[in-house]
Amino acid sequence: MAASRYRRFLKLCEEWPVDETKRGRDLGAYLRQRVAQAFREGENTQIVEPEACDQMYESLARLHSNYYKHKYPRPRDTSFSGLSLEEYKLILSTGMGGAAAAVSDTLDEFKEMNKGTWKKLQEKFAPRSPEGKHTAWARALPRPRT
């Protein structure tokens, strides 16, 4: 039975993509590493908790097949920042060659774009002094009508 579990995990590892732009942070690479650790003896590995192993496989298989993406579709592909999917991929990449400068430029533009909003929030909630910590929150909260 352990042999079939091992083969299922190996097949899942083969199908799971590895994103080279996320060196050291890629889920596909991490999955391969963990499977190699868990099944050190290959098909001969003794599994202590077969139910937990099966649950882990099913969870990973659902993630790989985009089960939840299809079960809970998003009405629009937007976000609060207004950035595109390609821009997010660029920001989240570890950086390869000239892409690091592009990521830095994109982050700088993003910071400039949102500077006003963040600054307003900081000023509104930042205490003026250690004693003023509680009064800053009190000023931000609306007063009850009497």
C-alpha atoms as a PDB file:
ATOM      1  CA  MET A   1       0.000   0.000   0.000  1.00  0.00           C
ATOM      2  CA  ALA A   2       2.903   2.371   0.726  1.00  0.00           C
ATOM      3  CA  ALA A   3       4.159   1.776  -2.807  1.00  0.00           C
ATOM      4  CA  SER A   4       0.931   3.104  -4.341  1.00  0.00           C
ATOM      5  CA  ARG A   5       1.023   6.179  -2.087  1.00  0.00           C
ATOM      6  CA  TYR A   6       4.614   6.808  -3.078  1.00  0.00           C
ATOM      7  CA  ARG A   7       3.760   6.535  -6.792  1.00  0.00           C
ATOM      8  CA  ARG A   8       0.796   8.920  -6.387  1.00  0.00           C
ATOM      9  CA  PHE A   9       3.011  11.515  -4.708  1.00  0.00           C
ATOM     10  CA  LEU A  10       5.675  11.090  -7.394  1.00  0.00           C
ATOM     11  CA  LYS A  11       3.091  11.619 -10.139  1.00  0.00           C
ATOM     12  CA  LEU A  12       1.817  14.742  -8.374  1.00  0.00           C
ATOM     13  CA  CYS A  13       5.394  16.065  -8.102  1.00  0.00           C
ATOM     14  CA  GLU A  14       5.944  15.478 -11.824  1.00  0.00           C
ATOM     15  CA  GLU A  15       2.759  17.382 -12.712  1.00  0.00           C
ATOM     16  CA  TRP A  16       3.317  20.254 -10.268  1.00  0.00           C
ATOM     17  CA  PRO A  17       5.097  23.124 -12.033  1.00  0.00           C
ATOM     18  CA  VAL A  18       8.306  24.652 -10.727  1.00  0.00           C
ATOM     19  CA  ASP A  19       8.523  28.439 -11.037  1.00  0.00           C
ATOM     20  CA  GLU A  20      12.174  29.346 -11.608  1.00  0.00           C
ATOM     21  CA  THR A  21      11.459  33.009 -10.828  1.00  0.00           C
ATOM     22  CA  LYS A  22      10.804  32.077  -7.191  1.00  0.00           C
ATOM     23  CA  ARG A  23      14.056  30.359  -6.301  1.00  0.00           C
ATOM     24  CA  GLY A  24      14.010  29.201  -2.699  1.00  0.00           C
ATOM     25  CA  ARG A  25      10.295  30.036  -2.317  1.00  0.00           C
ATOM     26  CA  ASP A  26       8.582  27.834  -4.885  1.00  0.00           C
ATOM     27  CA  LEU A  27       5.859  25.466  -3.710  1.00  0.00           C
ATOM     28  CA  GLY A  28       6.640  22.874  -6.399  1.00  0.00           C
ATOM     29  CA  ALA A  29      10.279  22.645  -5.343  1.00  0.00           C
ATOM     30  CA  TYR A  30       9.288  22.506  -1.665  1.00  0.00           C
ATOM     31  CA  LEU A  31       6.803  19.722  -2.393  1.00  0.00           C
ATOM     32  CA  ARG A  32       9.498  17.672  -4.128  1.00  0.00           C
ATOM     33  CA  GLN A  33      11.834  18.152  -1.173  1.00  0.00           C
ATOM     34  CA  ARG A  34       9.208  17.104   1.382  1.00  0.00           C
ATOM     35  CA  VAL A  35       8.187  14.005  -0.607  1.00  0.00           C
ATOM     36  CA  ALA A  36      11.853  12.974  -0.816  1.00  0.00           C
ATOM     37  CA  GLN A  37      12.151  13.378   2.978  1.00  0.00           C
ATOM     38  CA  ALA A  38       8.920  11.537   3.746  1.00  0.00           C
ATOM     39  CA  PHE A  39       9.641   8.623   1.402  1.00  0.00           C
ATOM     40  CA  ARG A  40      13.366   8.159   2.078  1.00  0.00           C
ATOM     41  CA  GLU A  41      13.180   4.456   1.358  1.00  0.00           C
ATOM     42  CA  GLY A  42      11.025   4.891  -1.752  1.00  0.00           C
ATOM     43  CA  GLU A  43       8.307   2.285  -2.136  1.00  0.00           C
ATOM     44  CA  ASN A  44       9.557   0.446   0.956  1.00  0.00           C
ATOM     45  CA  THR A  45       8.856   3.365   3.312  1.00  0.00           C
ATOM     46  CA  GLN A  46       6.627   2.435   6.244  1.00  0.00           C
ATOM     47  CA  ILE A  47       3.872   5.012   6.744  1.00  0.00           C
ATOM     48  CA  VAL A  48       2.935   5.532  10.375  1.00  0.00           C
ATOM     49  CA  GLU A  49      -0.285   7.474   9.710  1.00  0.00           C
ATOM     50  CA  PRO A  50      -1.791   6.359   6.381  1.00  0.00           C
ATOM     51  CA  GLU A  51      -4.981   8.420   6.865  1.00  0.00           C
ATOM     52  CA  ALA A  52      -2.985  11.633   7.352  1.00  0.00           C
ATOM     53  CA  CYS A  53      -0.862  10.766   4.321  1.00  0.00           C
ATOM     54  CA  ASP A  54      -3.977  10.271   2.181  1.00  0.00           C
ATOM     55  CA  GLN A  55      -5.492  13.534   3.442  1.00  0.00           C
ATOM     56  CA  MET A  56      -2.298  15.407   2.577  1.00  0.00           C
ATOM     57  CA  TYR A  57      -2.293  13.942  -0.916  1.00  0.00           C
ATOM     58  CA  GLU A  58      -5.958  14.830  -1.501  1.00  0.00           C
ATOM     59  CA  SER A  59      -5.390  18.400  -0.299  1.00  0.00           C
ATOM     60  CA  LEU A  60      -2.397  18.859  -2.587  1.00  0.00           C
ATOM     61  CA  ALA A  61      -4.270  17.299  -5.510  1.00  0.00           C
ATOM     62  CA  ARG A  62      -7.157  19.744  -5.008  1.00  0.00           C
ATOM     63  CA  LEU A  63      -4.730  22.669  -5.001  1.00  0.00           C
ATOM     64  CA  HIS A  64      -2.998  21.391  -8.126  1.00  0.00           C
ATOM     65  CA  SER A  65      -6.274  20.904 -10.021  1.00  0.00           C
ATOM     66  CA  ASN A  66      -7.522  24.416  -9.078  1.00  0.00           C
ATOM     67  CA  TYR A  67     -10.531  22.841  -7.363  1.00  0.00           C
ATOM     68  CA  TYR A  68     -11.230  25.910  -5.227  1.00  0.00           C
ATOM     69  CA  LYS A  69     -10.679  28.329  -8.100  1.00  0.00           C
ATOM     70  CA  HIS A  70     -13.456  26.583 -10.010  1.00  0.00           C
ATOM     71  CA  LYS A  71     -15.675  26.032  -6.969  1.00  0.00           C
ATOM     72  CA  TYR A  72     -15.516  29.709  -5.925  1.00  0.00           C
ATOM     73  CA  PRO A  73     -14.992  31.719  -9.124  1.00  0.00           C
ATOM     74  CA  ARG A  74     -14.164  35.393  -8.821  1.00  0.00           C
ATOM     75  CA  PRO A  75     -16.620  37.750 -10.527  1.00  0.00           C
ATOM     76  CA  ARG A  76     -13.785  40.016 -11.699  1.00  0.00           C
ATOM     77  CA  ASP A  77     -10.023  39.717 -11.928  1.00  0.00           C
ATOM     78  CA  THR A  78      -9.246  42.897 -10.048  1.00  0.00           C
ATOM     79  CA  SER A  79      -7.547  43.857  -6.831  1.00  0.00           C
ATOM     80  CA  PHE A  80      -7.328  46.892  -4.614  1.00  0.00           C
ATOM     81  CA  SER A  81      -4.076  47.998  -6.247  1.00  0.00           C
ATOM     82  CA  GLY A  82      -5.242  47.786  -9.842  1.00  0.00           C
ATOM     83  CA  LEU A  83      -2.103  45.877 -10.841  1.00  0.00           C
ATOM     84  CA  SER A  84      -2.302  43.228 -13.542  1.00  0.00           C
ATOM     85  CA  LEU A  85      -1.452  39.546 -13.108  1.00  0.00           C
ATOM     86  CA  GLU A  86       1.847  40.068 -14.969  1.00  0.00           C
ATOM     87  CA  GLU A  87       2.793  42.917 -12.629  1.00  0.00           C
ATOM     88  CA  TYR A  88       2.075  40.747  -9.589  1.00  0.00           C
ATOM     89  CA  LYS A  89       4.201  37.949 -11.012  1.00  0.00           C
ATOM     90  CA  LEU A  90       7.007  40.431 -11.571  1.00  0.00           C
ATOM     91  CA  ILE A  91       6.766  41.763  -8.012  1.00  0.00           C
ATOM     92  CA  LEU A  92       6.629  38.289  -6.458  1.00  0.00           C
ATOM     93  CA  SER A  93       9.516  36.879  -8.463  1.00  0.00           C
ATOM     94  CA  THR A  94      12.849  36.450  -6.727  1.00  0.00           C
ATOM     95  CA  GLY A  95      14.474  38.307  -9.592  1.00  0.00           C
ATOM     96  CA  MET A  96      16.371  37.085 -12.606  1.00  0.00           C
ATOM     97  CA  GLY A  97      18.893  39.351 -14.272  1.00  0.00           C
ATOM     98  CA  GLY A  98      17.351  42.651 -15.353  1.00  0.00           C
ATOM     99  CA  ALA A  99      14.002  41.770 -13.842  1.00  0.00           C
ATOM    100  CA  ALA A 100      15.203  42.926 -10.415  1.00  0.00           C
ATOM    101  CA  ALA A 101      15.437  46.533 -11.615  1.00  0.00           C
ATOM    102  CA  ALA A 102      11.971  46.287 -13.145  1.00  0.00           C
ATOM    103  CA  VAL A 103      10.596  44.940  -9.855  1.00  0.00           C
ATOM    104  CA  SER A 104      12.211  47.793  -7.975  1.00  0.00           C
ATOM    105  CA  ASP A 105      10.747  50.343 -10.404  1.00  0.00           C
ATOM    106  CA  THR A 106       7.299  48.781 -10.135  1.00  0.00           C
ATOM    107  CA  LEU A 107       7.436  48.783  -6.330  1.00  0.00           C
ATOM    108  CA  ASP A 108       8.567  52.411  -6.308  1.00  0.00           C
ATOM    109  CA  GLU A 109       5.668  53.364  -8.578  1.00  0.00           C
ATOM    110  CA  PHE A 110       3.260  51.437  -6.350  1.00  0.00           C
ATOM    111  CA  LYS A 111       4.552  53.227  -3.254  1.00  0.00           C
ATOM    112  CA  GLU A 112       4.214  56.621  -4.921  1.00  0.00           C
ATOM    113  CA  MET A 113       0.697  55.811  -6.095  1.00  0.00           C
ATOM    114  CA  ASN A 114      -0.475  54.874  -2.599  1.00  0.00           C
ATOM    115  CA  LYS A 115       1.678  57.274  -0.617  1.00  0.00           C
ATOM    116  CA  GLY A 116      -1.180  59.654   0.108  1.00  0.00           C
ATOM    117  CA  THR A 117      -3.497  57.010   1.513  1.00  0.00           C
ATOM    118  CA  TRP A 118      -0.846  55.371   3.680  1.00  0.00           C
ATOM    119  CA  LYS A 119       0.408  58.716   4.953  1.00  0.00           C
ATOM    120  CA  LYS A 120      -3.116  59.781   5.913  1.00  0.00           C
ATOM    121  CA  LEU A 121      -3.684  56.559   7.850  1.00  0.00           C
ATOM    122  CA  GLN A 122      -0.357  56.862   9.640  1.00  0.00           C
ATOM    123  CA  GLU A 123      -1.039  60.439  10.637  1.00  0.00           C
ATOM    124  CA  LYS A 124      -4.562  59.647  11.756  1.00  0.00           C
ATOM    125  CA  PHE A 125      -3.657  56.719  14.007  1.00  0.00           C
ATOM    126  CA  ALA A 126      -0.085  57.510  15.086  1.00  0.00           C
ATOM    127  CA  PRO A 127       0.171  58.711  18.693  1.00  0.00           C
ATOM    128  CA  ARG A 128       1.879  62.025  19.293  1.00  0.00           C
ATOM    129  CA  SER A 129       3.440  60.782  22.522  1.00  0.00           C
ATOM    130  CA  PRO A 130       3.423  57.569  24.558  1.00  0.00           C
ATOM    131  CA  GLU A 131       0.569  58.958  26.667  1.00  0.00           C
ATOM    132  CA  GLY A 132      -1.294  60.011  23.531  1.00  0.00           C
ATOM    133  CA  LYS A 133      -1.612  56.454  22.259  1.00  0.00           C
ATOM    134  CA  HIS A 134      -5.116  56.053  23.679  1.00  0.00           C
ATOM    135  CA  THR A 135      -6.287  59.537  22.775  1.00  0.00           C
ATOM    136  CA  ALA A 136      -5.302  59.056  19.108  1.00  0.00           C
ATOM    137  CA  TRP A 137      -7.678  56.110  18.886  1.00  0.00           C
ATOM    138  CA  ALA A 138     -10.364  58.011  20.742  1.00  0.00           C
ATOM    139  CA  ARG A 139     -10.096  60.920  18.266  1.00  0.00           C
ATOM    140  CA  ALA A 140     -10.421  58.517  15.354  1.00  0.00           C
ATOM    141  CA  LEU A 141     -13.581  56.916  16.709  1.00  0.00           C
ATOM    142  CA  PRO A 142     -16.885  58.727  16.219  1.00  0.00           C
ATOM    143  CA  ARG A 143     -18.499  60.103  19.339  1.00  0.00           C
ATOM    144  CA  PRO A 144     -21.841  58.632  20.394  1.00  0.00           C
ATOM    145  CA  ARG A 145     -24.809  60.928  19.913  1.00  0.00           C
ATOM    146  CA  THR A 146     -26.601  61.952  23.084  1.00  0.00           C
END
